Amino acid sequence: MSTLLKNTLNIGFELSQHKNNSRVQVLKLSKNTVEKFSKKIVDHNVQSIEYKPFLRFYLADCLNKLTDDTLGKFLLKTLKNRSTGAILLECELLNNSTLNGIEFIDFNVLLSTAISHLIGIPNLDSMSGKFYARFSVKNEDNSDSYLRQAHRRMELHNDGTYVEETTDWVIMQKILEVDVEGGDSLLLHVDDWKDLDKFYHHPLAKENLQWGSPSSKNITYKTSHPIFLEEMNDGKPIMSFIDQFVEPLNIEQGLYLYEMGDSLEKETNTSNVKLPEGSMLIINNYCWLHGRDKFIAKKNLHRELLRQRGVFAENTGDNDK
């Protein structure tokens, strides 16, 4: 067991390491915590937290107090620790007995909102026009990005590559699943990528590249930044990369990106992580690349996901552009 798990006194939740990747910390909220949280928030619905930003912090405070303020501290400590930086958060029991009449999907929106506001501030999601986005994956799709396309692997990437805002963290929550087989989350820590040194020490590693996005993202501008961003305090690199939205301007850039994408998809240290309904992955966006395995084709396949991404509180000033 890691030192992080040993040295933390936690109330209202249990911790373990994920069986497929010891860097990923599995956090399970107790039935008692879930039930008490639902009682405290039963008078607040999803519309109210969309309209009133301060209610989002109220939810966060309610949940944190039920753990004697240990939950928020653990989340931040884990996400900012480069050696971990990823949490699979689950609930011990989610049903009518614990949710006090709150609909399952609504409860999960409220829960992920509480979690996001314990770790920082969500950025505006341009796809939805809200601080979060919900989207479905079905058997057939005609969208302009890989996000909703079920029958192909969504390659490893970082979020927020094509926007000006800092994207310190990402929450990916499964809120509905029907007739689904496959589609596991894929995770790769930057330090576990065997070809990291090859690409980090390449002449183009810190050269500004151009980034854009398709119309569905509702971002009208292009931006520029290198693949490898400023080093962390320990001198190790962090990344901001996605193959679909980077726009090389010459052959040298194109080949560098092609070889990088090929290396990432062949990396054997990539882990498969299955998310139960109501669970969420919370990752440090610059230390982890994430993706999704392909689904098995089924007529009634339907998965609904919720995504939030944002900044740690101390970085909110970076978004005042």
C-alpha atoms as a PDB file:
ATOM      1  CA  MET A   1       0.000   0.000   0.000  1.00  0.00           C
ATOM      2  CA  SER A   2       1.291   3.450  -0.865  1.00  0.00           C
ATOM      3  CA  THR A   3       2.521   5.930   1.739  1.00  0.00           C
ATOM      4  CA  LEU A   4      -0.293   8.239   0.648  1.00  0.00           C
ATOM      5  CA  LEU A   5      -2.908   5.673   1.702  1.00  0.00           C
ATOM      6  CA  LYS A   6      -1.123   4.745   4.949  1.00  0.00           C
ATOM      7  CA  ASN A   7      -0.645   8.275   6.241  1.00  0.00           C
ATOM      8  CA  THR A   8      -4.130   9.642   5.560  1.00  0.00           C
ATOM      9  CA  LEU A   9      -6.868   9.472   8.191  1.00  0.00           C
ATOM     10  CA  ASN A  10     -10.079   9.233   6.203  1.00  0.00           C
ATOM     11  CA  ILE A  11     -13.645   9.393   7.473  1.00  0.00           C
ATOM     12  CA  GLY A  12     -16.649   8.292   5.436  1.00  0.00           C
ATOM     13  CA  PHE A  13     -14.735   6.609   2.641  1.00  0.00           C
ATOM     14  CA  GLU A  14     -12.358   3.704   2.042  1.00  0.00           C
ATOM     15  CA  LEU A  15      -9.241   3.569  -0.118  1.00  0.00           C
ATOM     16  CA  SER A  16      -7.437   0.937  -2.143  1.00  0.00           C
ATOM     17  CA  GLN A  17      -5.260   0.735  -5.235  1.00  0.00           C
ATOM     18  CA  HIS A  18      -6.697  -0.232  -8.607  1.00  0.00           C
ATOM     19  CA  LYS A  19      -5.911  -3.807  -9.595  1.00  0.00           C
ATOM     20  CA  ASN A  20      -4.780  -2.763 -13.099  1.00  0.00           C
ATOM     21  CA  ASN A  21      -2.667   0.235 -12.108  1.00  0.00           C
ATOM     22  CA  SER A  22      -1.307   0.920  -8.623  1.00  0.00           C
ATOM     23  CA  ARG A  23      -1.045   4.656  -9.376  1.00  0.00           C
ATOM     24  CA  VAL A  24      -4.861   4.872  -9.550  1.00  0.00           C
ATOM     25  CA  GLN A  25      -6.412   5.282  -6.106  1.00  0.00           C
ATOM     26  CA  VAL A  26      -9.871   3.747  -5.674  1.00  0.00           C
ATOM     27  CA  LEU A  27     -12.032   5.819  -3.323  1.00  0.00           C
ATOM     28  CA  LYS A  28     -15.353   4.374  -2.179  1.00  0.00           C
ATOM     29  CA  LEU A  29     -17.822   6.629  -0.383  1.00  0.00           C
ATOM     30  CA  SER A  30     -19.629   4.693   2.345  1.00  0.00           C
ATOM     31  CA  LYS A  31     -23.357   4.008   2.214  1.00  0.00           C
ATOM     32  CA  ASN A  32     -23.751   6.192   5.292  1.00  0.00           C
ATOM     33  CA  THR A  33     -21.937   9.116   3.631  1.00  0.00           C
ATOM     34  CA  VAL A  34     -24.032   8.819   0.473  1.00  0.00           C
ATOM     35  CA  GLU A  35     -27.281   8.674   2.423  1.00  0.00           C
ATOM     36  CA  LYS A  36     -26.439  11.679   4.613  1.00  0.00           C
ATOM     37  CA  PHE A  37     -25.265  13.685   1.608  1.00  0.00           C
ATOM     38  CA  SER A  38     -28.477  13.004  -0.302  1.00  0.00           C
ATOM     39  CA  LYS A  39     -30.523  14.127   2.711  1.00  0.00           C
ATOM     40  CA  LYS A  40     -28.621  17.401   2.921  1.00  0.00           C
ATOM     41  CA  ILE A  41     -29.039  18.244  -0.773  1.00  0.00           C
ATOM     42  CA  VAL A  42     -32.547  16.886  -1.387  1.00  0.00           C
ATOM     43  CA  ASP A  43     -33.984  20.416  -1.742  1.00  0.00           C
ATOM     44  CA  HIS A  44     -31.528  21.379  -4.519  1.00  0.00           C
ATOM     45  CA  ASN A  45     -31.966  20.129  -8.069  1.00  0.00           C
ATOM     46  CA  VAL A  46     -29.767  20.184 -11.158  1.00  0.00           C
ATOM     47  CA  GLN A  47     -31.376  23.321 -12.551  1.00  0.00           C
ATOM     48  CA  SER A  48     -30.674  25.217  -9.344  1.00  0.00           C
ATOM     49  CA  ILE A  49     -26.932  24.463  -9.434  1.00  0.00           C
ATOM     50  CA  GLU A  50     -26.803  25.447 -13.096  1.00  0.00           C
ATOM     51  CA  TYR A  51     -28.403  28.814 -12.333  1.00  0.00           C
ATOM     52  CA  LYS A  52     -26.694  29.573  -8.992  1.00  0.00           C
ATOM     53  CA  PRO A  53     -22.922  29.011  -8.942  1.00  0.00           C
ATOM     54  CA  PHE A  54     -22.619  29.437  -5.168  1.00  0.00           C
ATOM     55  CA  LEU A  55     -24.827  26.365  -4.633  1.00  0.00           C
ATOM     56  CA  ARG A  56     -22.080  24.250  -6.186  1.00  0.00           C
ATOM     57  CA  PHE A  57     -19.765  25.204  -3.342  1.00  0.00           C
ATOM     58  CA  TYR A  58     -22.542  24.501  -0.841  1.00  0.00           C
ATOM     59  CA  LEU A  59     -22.752  20.928  -2.177  1.00  0.00           C
ATOM     60  CA  ALA A  60     -18.990  20.578  -1.896  1.00  0.00           C
ATOM     61  CA  ASP A  61     -19.021  21.811   1.689  1.00  0.00           C
ATOM     62  CA  CYS A  62     -21.876  19.463   2.653  1.00  0.00           C
ATOM     63  CA  LEU A  63     -19.997  16.443   1.337  1.00  0.00           C
ATOM     64  CA  ASN A  64     -16.674  17.480   2.818  1.00  0.00           C
ATOM     65  CA  LYS A  65     -18.123  18.080   6.294  1.00  0.00           C
ATOM     66  CA  LEU A  66     -19.570  14.552   6.286  1.00  0.00           C
ATOM     67  CA  THR A  67     -15.966  13.315   6.052  1.00  0.00           C
ATOM     68  CA  ASP A  68     -14.648  15.746   8.683  1.00  0.00           C
ATOM     69  CA  ASP A  69     -12.957  17.660   5.854  1.00  0.00           C
ATOM     70  CA  THR A  70     -10.755  14.669   4.964  1.00  0.00           C
ATOM     71  CA  LEU A  71     -12.229  14.096   1.485  1.00  0.00           C
ATOM     72  CA  GLY A  72     -11.188  17.408  -0.053  1.00  0.00           C
ATOM     73  CA  LYS A  73      -7.691  17.121   1.400  1.00  0.00           C
ATOM     74  CA  PHE A  74      -7.267  13.611   0.029  1.00  0.00           C
ATOM     75  CA  LEU A  75      -8.536  14.542  -3.428  1.00  0.00           C
ATOM     76  CA  LEU A  76      -6.153  17.480  -3.779  1.00  0.00           C
ATOM     77  CA  LYS A  77      -3.174  15.667  -2.277  1.00  0.00           C
ATOM     78  CA  THR A  78      -3.664  12.736  -4.639  1.00  0.00           C
ATOM     79  CA  LEU A  79      -4.276  14.770  -7.788  1.00  0.00           C
ATOM     80  CA  LYS A  80      -1.276  17.036  -7.191  1.00  0.00           C
ATOM     81  CA  ASN A  81       1.029  14.109  -6.410  1.00  0.00           C
ATOM     82  CA  ARG A  82       2.723  13.226  -9.669  1.00  0.00           C
ATOM     83  CA  SER A  83       3.232   9.583  -8.689  1.00  0.00           C
ATOM     84  CA  THR A  84      -0.539   9.096  -8.373  1.00  0.00           C
ATOM     85  CA  GLY A  85      -2.707  11.860  -9.840  1.00  0.00           C
ATOM     86  CA  ALA A  86      -5.719   9.646 -10.581  1.00  0.00           C
ATOM     87  CA  ILE A  87      -8.764   8.573  -8.550  1.00  0.00           C
ATOM     88  CA  LEU A  88     -11.591   6.178  -9.357  1.00  0.00           C
ATOM     89  CA  LEU A  89     -14.433   7.360  -7.111  1.00  0.00           C
ATOM     90  CA  GLU A  90     -17.294   4.960  -6.420  1.00  0.00           C
ATOM     91  CA  CYS A  91     -20.223   4.826  -3.987  1.00  0.00           C
ATOM     92  CA  GLU A  92     -20.874   1.848  -1.767  1.00  0.00           C
ATOM     93  CA  LEU A  93     -24.578   1.805  -2.596  1.00  0.00           C
ATOM     94  CA  LEU A  94     -26.729   3.942  -4.874  1.00  0.00           C
ATOM     95  CA  ASN A  95     -30.446   3.117  -4.740  1.00  0.00           C
ATOM     96  CA  ASN A  96     -33.732   4.517  -3.427  1.00  0.00           C
ATOM     97  CA  SER A  97     -32.739   3.735   0.156  1.00  0.00           C
ATOM     98  CA  THR A  98     -29.645   5.945   0.009  1.00  0.00           C
ATOM     99  CA  LEU A  99     -30.733   8.673  -2.431  1.00  0.00           C
ATOM    100  CA  ASN A 100     -33.798   9.860  -0.477  1.00  0.00           C
ATOM    101  CA  GLY A 101     -35.946  10.276  -3.552  1.00  0.00           C
ATOM    102  CA  ILE A 102     -33.356  12.003  -5.767  1.00  0.00           C
ATOM    103  CA  GLU A 103     -33.284  10.492  -9.256  1.00  0.00           C
ATOM    104  CA  PHE A 104     -30.166   8.422  -9.941  1.00  0.00           C
ATOM    105  CA  ILE A 105     -28.843  10.582 -12.778  1.00  0.00           C
ATOM    106  CA  ASP A 106     -29.622  13.837 -10.967  1.00  0.00           C
ATOM    107  CA  PHE A 107     -27.814  12.610  -7.861  1.00  0.00           C
ATOM    108  CA  ASN A 108     -24.734  11.808  -9.904  1.00  0.00           C
ATOM    109  CA  VAL A 109     -24.701  15.267 -11.462  1.00  0.00           C
ATOM    110  CA  LEU A 110     -24.917  16.768  -7.966  1.00  0.00           C
ATOM    111  CA  LEU A 111     -22.229  14.427  -6.623  1.00  0.00           C
ATOM    112  CA  SER A 112     -19.716  15.173  -9.372  1.00  0.00           C
ATOM    113  CA  THR A 113     -20.423  18.885  -8.895  1.00  0.00           C
ATOM    114  CA  ALA A 114     -19.542  18.577  -5.214  1.00  0.00           C
ATOM    115  CA  ILE A 115     -16.331  16.733  -6.119  1.00  0.00           C
ATOM    116  CA  SER A 116     -15.273  19.245  -8.780  1.00  0.00           C
ATOM    117  CA  HIS A 117     -15.748  22.151  -6.401  1.00  0.00           C
ATOM    118  CA  LEU A 118     -13.639  20.449  -3.749  1.00  0.00           C
ATOM    119  CA  ILE A 119     -10.691  20.311  -6.151  1.00  0.00           C
ATOM    120  CA  GLY A 120     -11.073  23.632  -7.950  1.00  0.00           C
ATOM    121  CA  ILE A 121     -13.222  25.524 -10.449  1.00  0.00           C
ATOM    122  CA  PRO A 122     -14.696  23.908 -13.585  1.00  0.00           C
ATOM    123  CA  ASN A 123     -14.128  25.713 -16.863  1.00  0.00           C
ATOM    124  CA  LEU A 124     -17.087  26.615 -19.063  1.00  0.00           C
ATOM    125  CA  ASP A 125     -17.715  23.684 -21.396  1.00  0.00           C
ATOM    126  CA  SER A 126     -18.271  25.241 -24.807  1.00  0.00           C
ATOM    127  CA  MET A 127     -20.090  22.153 -26.110  1.00  0.00           C
ATOM    128  CA  SER A 128     -22.869  22.513 -23.553  1.00  0.00           C
ATOM    129  CA  GLY A 129     -22.593  26.150 -22.480  1.00  0.00           C
ATOM    130  CA  LYS A 130     -22.484  24.956 -18.855  1.00  0.00           C
ATOM    131  CA  PHE A 131     -19.828  24.045 -16.307  1.00  0.00           C
ATOM    132  CA  TYR A 132     -20.315  20.410 -17.295  1.00  0.00           C
ATOM    133  CA  ALA A 133     -21.280  18.475 -20.412  1.00  0.00           C
ATOM    134  CA  ARG A 134     -23.443  15.373 -20.818  1.00  0.00           C
ATOM    135  CA  PHE A 135     -23.220  13.296 -23.958  1.00  0.00           C
ATOM    136  CA  SER A 136     -24.341   9.887 -25.166  1.00  0.00           C
ATOM    137  CA  VAL A 137     -22.554   7.081 -26.986  1.00  0.00           C
ATOM    138  CA  LYS A 138     -24.851   4.904 -29.093  1.00  0.00           C
ATOM    139  CA  ASN A 139     -24.465   2.172 -31.694  1.00  0.00           C
ATOM    140  CA  GLU A 140     -24.715   4.641 -34.590  1.00  0.00           C
ATOM    141  CA  ASP A 141     -23.221   8.119 -34.768  1.00  0.00           C
ATOM    142  CA  ASN A 142     -22.514  10.837 -37.334  1.00  0.00           C
ATOM    143  CA  SER A 143     -20.626  13.335 -35.157  1.00  0.00           C
ATOM    144  CA  ASP A 144     -17.494  15.192 -36.226  1.00  0.00           C
ATOM    145  CA  SER A 145     -15.206  13.847 -33.471  1.00  0.00           C
ATOM    146  CA  TYR A 146     -14.309  10.473 -32.006  1.00  0.00           C
ATOM    147  CA  LEU A 147     -15.977  11.240 -28.672  1.00  0.00           C
ATOM    148  CA  ARG A 148     -19.318   9.653 -29.565  1.00  0.00           C
ATOM    149  CA  GLN A 149     -18.117   7.016 -32.035  1.00  0.00           C
ATOM    150  CA  ALA A 150     -18.571   3.659 -30.318  1.00  0.00           C
ATOM    151  CA  HIS A 151     -16.856   1.218 -32.669  1.00  0.00           C
ATOM    152  CA  ARG A 152     -13.371   2.640 -32.727  1.00  0.00           C
ATOM    153  CA  ARG A 153     -10.740   3.134 -30.098  1.00  0.00           C
ATOM    154  CA  MET A 154     -10.491   6.749 -28.931  1.00  0.00           C
ATOM    155  CA  GLU A 155      -6.759   7.365 -28.840  1.00  0.00           C
ATOM    156  CA  LEU A 156      -4.820   8.489 -25.790  1.00  0.00           C
ATOM    157  CA  HIS A 157      -4.868  12.252 -25.302  1.00  0.00           C
ATOM    158  CA  ASN A 158      -5.007  15.147 -22.858  1.00  0.00           C
ATOM    159  CA  ASP A 159      -8.072  17.400 -22.629  1.00  0.00           C
ATOM    160  CA  GLY A 160      -8.158  21.146 -23.231  1.00  0.00           C
ATOM    161  CA  THR A 161      -5.523  21.137 -25.979  1.00  0.00           C
ATOM    162  CA  TYR A 162      -7.446  23.508 -28.262  1.00  0.00           C
ATOM    163  CA  VAL A 163      -8.617  26.103 -25.714  1.00  0.00           C
ATOM    164  CA  GLU A 164      -6.829  28.993 -24.044  1.00  0.00           C
ATOM    165  CA  GLU A 165      -7.889  27.988 -20.528  1.00  0.00           C
ATOM    166  CA  THR A 166      -5.717  25.932 -18.216  1.00  0.00           C
ATOM    167  CA  THR A 167      -7.066  22.400 -17.777  1.00  0.00           C
ATOM    168  CA  ASP A 168      -5.492  20.987 -14.608  1.00  0.00           C
ATOM    169  CA  TRP A 169      -7.966  18.174 -14.048  1.00  0.00           C
ATOM    170  CA  VAL A 170     -10.696  16.173 -15.748  1.00  0.00           C
ATOM    171  CA  ILE A 171     -13.695  14.304 -14.298  1.00  0.00           C
ATOM    172  CA  MET A 172     -15.301  11.593 -16.425  1.00  0.00           C
ATOM    173  CA  GLN A 173     -18.437  10.083 -14.891  1.00  0.00           C
ATOM    174  CA  LYS A 174     -20.624   7.231 -16.132  1.00  0.00           C
ATOM    175  CA  ILE A 175     -24.257   8.061 -15.338  1.00  0.00           C
ATOM    176  CA  LEU A 176     -26.143   5.548 -17.519  1.00  0.00           C
ATOM    177  CA  GLU A 177     -25.305   2.302 -19.298  1.00  0.00           C
ATOM    178  CA  VAL A 178     -27.578  -0.030 -21.293  1.00  0.00           C
ATOM    179  CA  ASP A 179     -26.514  -3.148 -23.233  1.00  0.00           C
ATOM    180  CA  VAL A 180     -22.841  -2.202 -23.159  1.00  0.00           C
ATOM    181  CA  GLU A 181     -19.861  -4.469 -23.645  1.00  0.00           C
ATOM    182  CA  GLY A 182     -16.371  -2.992 -23.945  1.00  0.00           C
ATOM    183  CA  GLY A 183     -15.687   0.733 -23.958  1.00  0.00           C
ATOM    184  CA  ASP A 184     -13.344   0.633 -20.949  1.00  0.00           C
ATOM    185  CA  SER A 185     -11.417   3.776 -20.088  1.00  0.00           C
ATOM    186  CA  LEU A 186      -7.749   3.755 -21.094  1.00  0.00           C
ATOM    187  CA  LEU A 187      -5.122   5.441 -18.924  1.00  0.00           C
ATOM    188  CA  LEU A 188      -1.407   6.038 -19.365  1.00  0.00           C
ATOM    189  CA  HIS A 189       0.741   8.000 -16.934  1.00  0.00           C
ATOM    190  CA  VAL A 190       3.322  10.155 -18.693  1.00  0.00           C
ATOM    191  CA  ASP A 191       6.142   8.583 -16.640  1.00  0.00           C
ATOM    192  CA  ASP A 192       5.104   5.079 -17.732  1.00  0.00           C
ATOM    193  CA  TRP A 193       5.397   5.864 -21.440  1.00  0.00           C
ATOM    194  CA  LYS A 194       8.536   4.025 -22.519  1.00  0.00           C
ATOM    195  CA  ASP A 195       9.259   6.424 -25.399  1.00  0.00           C
ATOM    196  CA  LEU A 196       8.893   9.573 -23.295  1.00  0.00           C
ATOM    197  CA  ASP A 197      12.569  10.528 -23.457  1.00  0.00           C
ATOM    198  CA  LYS A 198      12.678  10.031 -27.221  1.00  0.00           C
ATOM    199  CA  PHE A 199       9.861  12.511 -27.842  1.00  0.00           C
ATOM    200  CA  TYR A 200      10.602  14.870 -24.948  1.00  0.00           C
ATOM    201  CA  HIS A 201      14.164  15.445 -26.144  1.00  0.00           C
ATOM    202  CA  HIS A 202      13.140  15.825 -29.789  1.00  0.00           C
ATOM    203  CA  PRO A 203      13.878  19.261 -31.376  1.00  0.00           C
ATOM    204  CA  LEU A 204      10.132  19.848 -31.844  1.00  0.00           C
ATOM    205  CA  ALA A 205       9.145  18.906 -28.282  1.00  0.00           C
ATOM    206  CA  LYS A 206       8.794  22.489 -27.071  1.00  0.00           C
ATOM    207  CA  GLU A 207       8.010  24.167 -30.375  1.00  0.00           C
ATOM    208  CA  ASN A 208       4.634  25.892 -30.569  1.00  0.00           C
ATOM    209  CA  LEU A 209       2.132  23.908 -32.649  1.00  0.00           C
ATOM    210  CA  GLN A 210      -1.245  25.040 -33.962  1.00  0.00           C
ATOM    211  CA  TRP A 211      -4.444  23.587 -32.452  1.00  0.00           C
ATOM    212  CA  GLY A 212      -8.038  23.813 -33.695  1.00  0.00           C
ATOM    213  CA  SER A 213     -11.315  21.937 -33.253  1.00  0.00           C
ATOM    214  CA  PRO A 214     -14.401  20.844 -35.229  1.00  0.00           C
ATOM    215  CA  SER A 215     -17.638  22.819 -35.212  1.00  0.00           C
ATOM    216  CA  SER A 216     -19.271  20.696 -32.488  1.00  0.00           C
ATOM    217  CA  LYS A 217     -16.810  22.059 -29.927  1.00  0.00           C
ATOM    218  CA  ASN A 218     -18.128  25.637 -30.401  1.00  0.00           C
ATOM    219  CA  ILE A 219     -14.631  27.114 -30.293  1.00  0.00           C
ATOM    220  CA  THR A 220     -14.074  29.619 -33.096  1.00  0.00           C
ATOM    221  CA  TYR A 221     -10.402  30.434 -32.552  1.00  0.00           C
ATOM    222  CA  LYS A 222      -7.150  28.528 -32.964  1.00  0.00           C
ATOM    223  CA  THR A 223      -4.442  28.461 -30.354  1.00  0.00           C
ATOM    224  CA  SER A 224      -0.806  27.432 -30.143  1.00  0.00           C
ATOM    225  CA  HIS A 225       1.375  25.692 -27.566  1.00  0.00           C
ATOM    226  CA  PRO A 226       4.006  22.941 -27.469  1.00  0.00           C
ATOM    227  CA  ILE A 227       3.296  19.281 -26.707  1.00  0.00           C
ATOM    228  CA  PHE A 228       5.496  19.394 -23.620  1.00  0.00           C
ATOM    229  CA  LEU A 229       4.648  22.234 -21.270  1.00  0.00           C
ATOM    230  CA  GLU A 230       6.708  23.804 -18.508  1.00  0.00           C
ATOM    231  CA  GLU A 231       8.286  21.254 -16.220  1.00  0.00           C
ATOM    232  CA  MET A 232       6.884  20.609 -12.774  1.00  0.00           C
ATOM    233  CA  ASN A 233       8.928  21.352  -9.632  1.00  0.00           C
ATOM    234  CA  ASP A 234      10.549  17.923  -9.840  1.00  0.00           C
ATOM    235  CA  GLY A 235      11.911  18.699 -13.307  1.00  0.00           C
ATOM    236  CA  LYS A 236       9.724  16.147 -15.076  1.00  0.00           C
ATOM    237  CA  PRO A 237       7.657  17.034 -18.166  1.00  0.00           C
ATOM    238  CA  ILE A 238       3.898  17.422 -18.447  1.00  0.00           C
ATOM    239  CA  MET A 239       1.949  17.030 -21.684  1.00  0.00           C
ATOM    240  CA  SER A 240      -0.880  18.545 -23.693  1.00  0.00           C
ATOM    241  CA  PHE A 241      -1.565  16.386 -26.769  1.00  0.00           C
ATOM    242  CA  ILE A 242      -4.422  15.099 -28.884  1.00  0.00           C
ATOM    243  CA  ASP A 243      -3.972  13.706 -32.357  1.00  0.00           C
ATOM    244  CA  GLN A 244      -7.271  14.867 -33.856  1.00  0.00           C
ATOM    245  CA  PHE A 245      -6.989  18.593 -33.156  1.00  0.00           C
ATOM    246  CA  VAL A 246      -3.305  19.388 -33.654  1.00  0.00           C
ATOM    247  CA  GLU A 247      -2.657  21.006 -37.035  1.00  0.00           C
ATOM    248  CA  PRO A 248       0.910  20.507 -38.286  1.00  0.00           C
ATOM    249  CA  LEU A 249       2.166  23.147 -40.687  1.00  0.00           C
ATOM    250  CA  ASN A 250       5.002  21.192 -42.292  1.00  0.00           C
ATOM    251  CA  ILE A 251       6.268  17.660 -42.907  1.00  0.00           C
ATOM    252  CA  GLU A 252       8.627  17.722 -39.919  1.00  0.00           C
ATOM    253  CA  GLN A 253       5.791  18.503 -37.525  1.00  0.00           C
ATOM    254  CA  GLY A 254       3.512  15.984 -39.206  1.00  0.00           C
ATOM    255  CA  LEU A 255       6.006  13.127 -38.920  1.00  0.00           C
ATOM    256  CA  TYR A 256       6.841  13.965 -35.309  1.00  0.00           C
ATOM    257  CA  LEU A 257       3.156  13.856 -34.406  1.00  0.00           C
ATOM    258  CA  TYR A 258       2.550  10.691 -36.429  1.00  0.00           C
ATOM    259  CA  GLU A 259       5.361   8.856 -34.705  1.00  0.00           C
ATOM    260  CA  MET A 260       4.228  10.096 -31.283  1.00  0.00           C
ATOM    261  CA  GLY A 261       0.657   8.932 -31.822  1.00  0.00           C
ATOM    262  CA  ASP A 262       1.855   5.559 -33.075  1.00  0.00           C
ATOM    263  CA  SER A 263       4.096   5.128 -30.028  1.00  0.00           C
ATOM    264  CA  LEU A 264       1.321   6.023 -27.584  1.00  0.00           C
ATOM    265  CA  GLU A 265      -1.142   3.571 -29.136  1.00  0.00           C
ATOM    266  CA  LYS A 266       1.434   0.752 -28.987  1.00  0.00           C
ATOM    267  CA  GLU A 267       2.379   1.454 -25.356  1.00  0.00           C
ATOM    268  CA  THR A 268       1.974  -1.721 -23.290  1.00  0.00           C
ATOM    269  CA  ASN A 269       1.817   0.193 -19.986  1.00  0.00           C
ATOM    270  CA  THR A 270      -1.643   1.527 -20.874  1.00  0.00           C
ATOM    271  CA  SER A 271      -4.266   0.336 -18.364  1.00  0.00           C
ATOM    272  CA  ASN A 272      -7.899  -0.597 -18.911  1.00  0.00           C
ATOM    273  CA  VAL A 273     -10.230   0.771 -16.227  1.00  0.00           C
ATOM    274  CA  LYS A 274     -13.892  -0.209 -16.089  1.00  0.00           C
ATOM    275  CA  LEU A 275     -16.294   2.341 -14.577  1.00  0.00           C
ATOM    276  CA  PRO A 276     -19.453   1.118 -12.823  1.00  0.00           C
ATOM    277  CA  GLU A 277     -22.583   3.259 -13.227  1.00  0.00           C
ATOM    278  CA  GLY A 278     -22.353   6.257 -10.934  1.00  0.00           C
ATOM    279  CA  SER A 279     -18.560   6.130 -10.673  1.00  0.00           C
ATOM    280  CA  MET A 280     -16.113   8.710 -11.955  1.00  0.00           C
ATOM    281  CA  LEU A 281     -12.476   9.011 -12.931  1.00  0.00           C
ATOM    282  CA  ILE A 282     -10.704  12.125 -11.672  1.00  0.00           C
ATOM    283  CA  ILE A 283      -7.271  12.682 -13.202  1.00  0.00           C
ATOM    284  CA  ASN A 284      -4.474  15.197 -13.314  1.00  0.00           C
ATOM    285  CA  ASN A 285      -4.830  16.158 -16.961  1.00  0.00           C
ATOM    286  CA  TYR A 286      -1.180  16.995 -17.588  1.00  0.00           C
ATOM    287  CA  CYS A 287       0.275  13.845 -15.982  1.00  0.00           C
ATOM    288  CA  TRP A 288      -2.178  11.352 -17.472  1.00  0.00           C
ATOM    289  CA  LEU A 289      -3.300  10.609 -21.011  1.00  0.00           C
ATOM    290  CA  HIS A 290      -6.717   9.004 -21.331  1.00  0.00           C
ATOM    291  CA  GLY A 291      -8.780   7.351 -24.035  1.00  0.00           C
ATOM    292  CA  ARG A 292     -11.476   4.725 -24.521  1.00  0.00           C
ATOM    293  CA  ASP A 293     -11.436   1.193 -25.877  1.00  0.00           C
ATOM    294  CA  LYS A 294     -13.920   0.327 -28.599  1.00  0.00           C
ATOM    295  CA  PHE A 295     -17.386  -1.064 -27.826  1.00  0.00           C
ATOM    296  CA  ILE A 296     -18.850  -4.327 -29.068  1.00  0.00           C
ATOM    297  CA  ALA A 297     -21.528  -3.483 -31.631  1.00  0.00           C
ATOM    298  CA  LYS A 298     -25.021  -3.898 -30.166  1.00  0.00           C
ATOM    299  CA  LYS A 299     -28.265  -2.406 -31.490  1.00  0.00           C
ATOM    300  CA  ASN A 300     -29.402  -0.947 -28.158  1.00  0.00           C
ATOM    301  CA  LEU A 301     -25.978   0.190 -26.928  1.00  0.00           C
ATOM    302  CA  HIS A 302     -26.331   3.375 -24.899  1.00  0.00           C
ATOM    303  CA  ARG A 303     -23.906   5.010 -22.503  1.00  0.00           C
ATOM    304  CA  GLU A 304     -24.363   8.474 -21.067  1.00  0.00           C
ATOM    305  CA  LEU A 305     -21.370  10.304 -19.681  1.00  0.00           C
ATOM    306  CA  LEU A 306     -20.773  13.496 -17.767  1.00  0.00           C
ATOM    307  CA  ARG A 307     -17.561  15.472 -18.098  1.00  0.00           C
ATOM    308  CA  GLN A 308     -16.123  18.334 -16.114  1.00  0.00           C
ATOM    309  CA  ARG A 309     -12.686  19.853 -16.533  1.00  0.00           C
ATOM    310  CA  GLY A 310     -11.098  22.788 -14.844  1.00  0.00           C
ATOM    311  CA  VAL A 311      -8.369  24.334 -12.733  1.00  0.00           C
ATOM    312  CA  PHE A 312      -7.056  24.076  -9.219  1.00  0.00           C
ATOM    313  CA  ALA A 313      -8.155  27.083  -7.162  1.00  0.00           C
ATOM    314  CA  GLU A 314      -4.716  28.690  -7.210  1.00  0.00           C
ATOM    315  CA  ASN A 315      -4.731  28.734 -11.028  1.00  0.00           C
ATOM    316  CA  THR A 316      -8.057  30.477 -11.585  1.00  0.00           C
ATOM    317  CA  GLY A 317      -6.259  33.701 -12.521  1.00  0.00           C
ATOM    318  CA  ASP A 318      -4.836  31.945 -15.586  1.00  0.00           C
ATOM    319  CA  ASN A 319      -8.303  31.995 -17.136  1.00  0.00           C
ATOM    320  CA  ASP A 320      -8.666  35.798 -17.065  1.00  0.00           C
ATOM    321  CA  LYS A 321      -7.641  36.300 -20.678  1.00  0.00           C
END
